[in-house]
Amino acid sequence: MKKSGILHNVRIVLWALVAVAAVAATYFTVVPRERSLDQGVAFYSTPFKLTNHDGAEVTQSDFLGKPSAWFYGFTQCPEVCPTTLAEMSQLLDALGPDADKLNVVFVSVDPERDTVEVMKDYVAYFDQRIVGVTGELEAVSAMATARYVYFEKIPLDGGDYTMEHSANVQLADADGYFFGTLDGEEPVETRLAKLRRLIE
């Protein structure tokens, strides 16, 4: 076979590969897929039993069926927790009627001090739509571990203590799959856009 014939065949093969790649790209862009394979386990559907701020037992099932925004903190937190909850209240207001499509949950990582009564008063101060959750330390720890949430009790001088904890708001879809986070350093518009995508 002449050299020109070989080059001609190579060009045909290369153009065929380009065409295949273009079709594949179009398919994965246009055709909706099921859940992404790298999304992992729906760890927000991992079983737990805790208590809400009204004193009722709650499990993972109470928060499935619609998307959720979860924040882990404690009522004696000096800055991050009250700021985050106040901002979540503002985001709910900005969502308007769509706020009813979202669970917003505040889980105490300090159940030793954050009783049901304390949680009820605390979340009510920020927004009636926020659900406060507390319970036995062992149960809270198991839930946090399953969701890759960090918290630790830090002793202070004089016998008191504080809590270190993850500061981001974690988002989960209606099936309990991790959807992303809200960061307090992000512009409000960015966080609101994330919540709208989550709801949609």
Protein backbone atom coordinates (compact mmCIF):
# COMPACT_ATOMS: atom_id res chain seq x y z
CA MET A 1 0.00 0.00 0.00
CA LYS A 2 1.30 3.45 -0.91
CA LYS A 3 2.20 5.96 1.78
CA SER A 4 -0.67 8.25 0.71
CA GLY A 5 -3.12 5.37 1.10
CA ILE A 6 -1.89 4.66 4.64
CA LEU A 7 -2.27 8.32 5.60
CA HIS A 8 -5.76 8.34 4.13
CA ASN A 9 -6.76 5.32 6.26
CA VAL A 10 -5.25 6.86 9.39
CA ARG A 11 -7.24 10.03 8.82
CA ILE A 12 -10.44 8.00 8.46
CA VAL A 13 -9.77 6.18 11.74
CA LEU A 14 -8.98 9.42 13.55
CA TRP A 15 -12.14 11.14 12.28
CA ALA A 16 -14.16 8.09 13.31
CA LEU A 17 -12.73 8.34 16.82
CA VAL A 18 -13.57 12.05 16.95
CA ALA A 19 -17.14 11.28 15.90
CA VAL A 20 -17.49 8.60 18.58
CA ALA A 21 -16.14 11.00 21.20
CA ALA A 22 -18.57 13.70 20.11
CA VAL A 23 -21.54 11.34 20.34
CA ALA A 24 -20.45 10.18 23.78
CA ALA A 25 -20.02 13.76 24.98
CA THR A 26 -23.46 14.66 23.70
CA TYR A 27 -25.00 11.66 25.43
CA PHE A 28 -23.49 12.38 28.80
CA THR A 29 -24.39 16.07 28.53
CA VAL A 30 -27.94 15.80 27.22
CA VAL A 31 -29.22 12.43 28.45
CA PRO A 32 -30.11 12.63 32.17
CA ARG A 33 -28.39 9.99 34.21
CA GLU A 34 -29.48 8.34 37.40
CA ARG A 35 -27.34 9.06 40.44
CA SER A 36 -23.63 9.64 39.87
CA LEU A 37 -21.57 6.55 40.62
CA ASP A 38 -19.11 8.51 42.75
CA GLN A 39 -21.81 9.99 44.95
CA GLY A 40 -21.33 7.15 47.41
CA VAL A 41 -23.63 5.94 50.14
CA ALA A 42 -26.66 7.95 51.23
CA PHE A 43 -25.18 8.50 54.66
CA TYR A 44 -27.91 10.95 55.61
CA SER A 45 -30.28 7.98 55.58
CA THR A 46 -28.16 6.13 58.16
CA PRO A 47 -30.44 5.12 61.08
CA PHE A 48 -30.50 7.20 64.27
CA LYS A 49 -32.87 7.90 67.17
CA LEU A 50 -32.76 11.30 68.83
CA THR A 51 -35.21 13.86 70.26
CA ASN A 52 -36.46 17.07 68.69
CA HIS A 53 -36.99 20.35 70.53
CA ASP A 54 -40.62 19.41 71.22
CA GLY A 55 -39.55 16.27 73.08
CA ALA A 56 -40.64 13.85 70.34
CA GLU A 57 -38.45 11.01 69.14
CA VAL A 58 -37.10 11.53 65.62
CA THR A 59 -35.31 9.16 63.27
CA GLN A 60 -33.71 9.47 59.86
CA SER A 61 -37.09 8.77 58.26
CA ASP A 62 -38.51 12.04 59.61
CA PHE A 63 -36.09 14.00 57.44
CA LEU A 64 -36.22 11.98 54.24
CA GLY A 65 -38.65 12.74 51.45
CA LYS A 66 -37.48 16.32 51.02
CA PRO A 67 -34.04 17.96 51.00
CA SER A 68 -32.36 18.99 54.22
CA ALA A 69 -29.79 21.45 55.52
CA TRP A 70 -27.98 20.22 58.65
CA PHE A 71 -25.87 22.21 61.07
CA TYR A 72 -24.02 20.82 64.09
CA GLY A 73 -23.26 23.11 67.00
CA PHE A 74 -24.24 23.99 70.57
CA THR A 75 -26.30 26.65 72.29
CA GLN A 76 -23.41 28.12 74.29
CA CYS A 77 -21.39 28.66 71.13
CA PRO A 78 -20.20 32.27 71.24
CA GLU A 79 -20.22 33.21 67.56
CA VAL A 80 -20.35 30.60 64.77
CA CYS A 81 -23.60 28.89 65.79
CA PRO A 82 -25.80 31.94 66.37
CA THR A 83 -24.43 33.58 63.23
CA THR A 84 -25.08 30.47 61.13
CA LEU A 85 -28.63 30.01 62.43
CA ALA A 86 -29.44 33.69 61.89
CA GLU A 87 -28.15 33.43 58.33
CA MET A 88 -30.17 30.25 57.74
CA SER A 89 -33.28 32.14 58.85
CA GLN A 90 -32.49 34.88 56.33
CA LEU A 91 -32.02 32.28 53.58
CA LEU A 92 -35.38 30.71 54.44
CA ASP A 93 -37.00 34.14 54.15
CA ALA A 94 -35.32 34.65 50.79
CA LEU A 95 -36.65 31.30 49.52
CA GLY A 96 -40.19 32.46 50.17
CA PRO A 97 -42.81 29.68 49.79
CA ASP A 98 -40.06 27.29 48.63
CA ALA A 99 -38.70 27.26 52.19
CA ASP A 100 -41.45 24.74 53.01
CA LYS A 101 -39.69 22.28 50.67
CA LEU A 102 -36.60 22.21 52.89
CA ASN A 103 -35.80 20.71 56.29
CA VAL A 104 -33.42 22.85 58.35
CA VAL A 105 -31.99 20.96 61.31
CA PHE A 106 -29.73 22.08 64.14
CA VAL A 107 -28.12 19.14 65.98
CA SER A 108 -26.51 19.77 69.36
CA VAL A 109 -23.03 18.36 69.85
CA ASP A 110 -23.33 19.29 73.55
CA PRO A 111 -26.34 17.25 74.72
CA GLU A 112 -25.01 17.36 78.27
CA ARG A 113 -26.11 20.99 78.51
CA ASP A 114 -28.49 21.24 75.55
CA THR A 115 -31.63 19.66 76.92
CA VAL A 116 -34.92 19.60 75.03
CA GLU A 117 -36.08 22.72 76.86
CA VAL A 118 -32.86 24.60 76.12
CA MET A 119 -33.02 23.62 72.45
CA LYS A 120 -36.66 24.67 72.16
CA ASP A 121 -35.94 28.19 73.42
CA TYR A 122 -32.77 28.46 71.37
CA VAL A 123 -34.12 27.56 67.92
CA ALA A 124 -37.31 29.58 68.53
CA TYR A 125 -35.15 32.67 68.98
CA PHE A 126 -33.89 32.31 65.40
CA ASP A 127 -36.69 30.75 63.37
CA GLN A 128 -39.69 28.50 64.06
CA ARG A 129 -38.87 26.55 60.90
CA ILE A 130 -35.57 25.28 62.29
CA VAL A 131 -35.78 21.92 64.04
CA GLY A 132 -33.55 21.46 67.07
CA VAL A 133 -32.31 17.94 67.77
CA THR A 134 -30.55 16.56 70.84
CA GLY A 135 -30.21 13.24 72.65
CA GLU A 136 -27.77 10.90 74.32
CA LEU A 137 -24.12 11.72 73.59
CA GLU A 138 -23.50 8.22 72.27
CA ALA A 139 -26.33 8.56 69.75
CA VAL A 140 -25.21 12.02 68.64
CA SER A 141 -21.64 10.76 68.25
CA ALA A 142 -22.76 7.79 66.16
CA MET A 143 -24.82 10.06 63.90
CA ALA A 144 -21.96 12.56 63.51
CA THR A 145 -19.45 9.82 62.71
CA ALA A 146 -21.72 8.37 60.02
CA ARG A 147 -21.97 11.84 58.46
CA TYR A 148 -18.28 12.75 58.74
CA VAL A 149 -19.03 15.53 61.20
CA TYR A 150 -16.29 16.42 63.68
CA PHE A 151 -16.82 17.59 67.25
CA GLU A 152 -14.78 17.47 70.43
CA LYS A 153 -15.16 18.60 74.02
CA ILE A 154 -12.41 21.05 75.03
CA PRO A 155 -11.76 21.66 78.76
CA LEU A 156 -11.37 25.26 79.91
CA ASP A 157 -9.78 26.80 82.99
CA GLY A 158 -12.03 26.65 86.03
CA GLY A 159 -13.66 23.33 85.13
CA ASP A 160 -15.85 24.62 82.31
CA TYR A 161 -15.61 23.43 78.72
CA THR A 162 -16.42 24.40 75.16
CA MET A 163 -17.01 22.42 71.97
CA GLU A 164 -15.04 22.40 68.75
CA HIS A 165 -17.08 21.27 65.77
CA SER A 166 -17.49 21.33 62.01
CA ALA A 167 -18.78 24.74 60.99
CA ASN A 168 -20.30 24.14 57.56
CA VAL A 169 -23.96 23.51 56.88
CA GLN A 170 -24.27 20.13 55.17
CA LEU A 171 -26.87 19.61 52.46
CA ALA A 172 -28.62 16.33 51.67
CA ASP A 173 -31.13 15.52 48.98
CA ALA A 174 -34.54 13.95 49.59
CA ASP A 175 -33.02 10.45 49.51
CA GLY A 176 -30.31 11.25 52.04
CA TYR A 177 -27.42 11.66 49.60
CA PHE A 178 -24.82 14.30 50.38
CA PHE A 179 -25.39 17.30 48.11
CA GLY A 180 -22.71 19.76 49.23
CA THR A 181 -22.17 22.42 51.88
CA LEU A 182 -22.92 26.02 52.70
CA ASP A 183 -19.89 27.98 53.84
CA GLY A 184 -20.28 31.10 55.93
CA GLU A 185 -17.55 32.76 53.86
CA GLU A 186 -19.58 32.42 50.66
CA PRO A 187 -21.73 35.31 49.44
CA VAL A 188 -25.38 35.03 50.41
CA GLU A 189 -26.30 34.79 46.73
CA THR A 190 -24.10 31.71 46.33
CA ARG A 191 -25.65 29.94 49.30
CA LEU A 192 -29.14 30.81 48.15
CA ALA A 193 -28.40 29.45 44.67
CA LYS A 194 -27.18 26.19 46.22
CA LEU A 195 -30.40 25.84 48.20
CA ARG A 196 -32.49 26.49 45.11
CA ARG A 197 -30.59 23.79 43.20
CA LEU A 198 -31.07 21.42 46.12
CA ILE A 199 -34.80 22.06 46.22
CA GLU A 200 -35.17 21.67 42.47
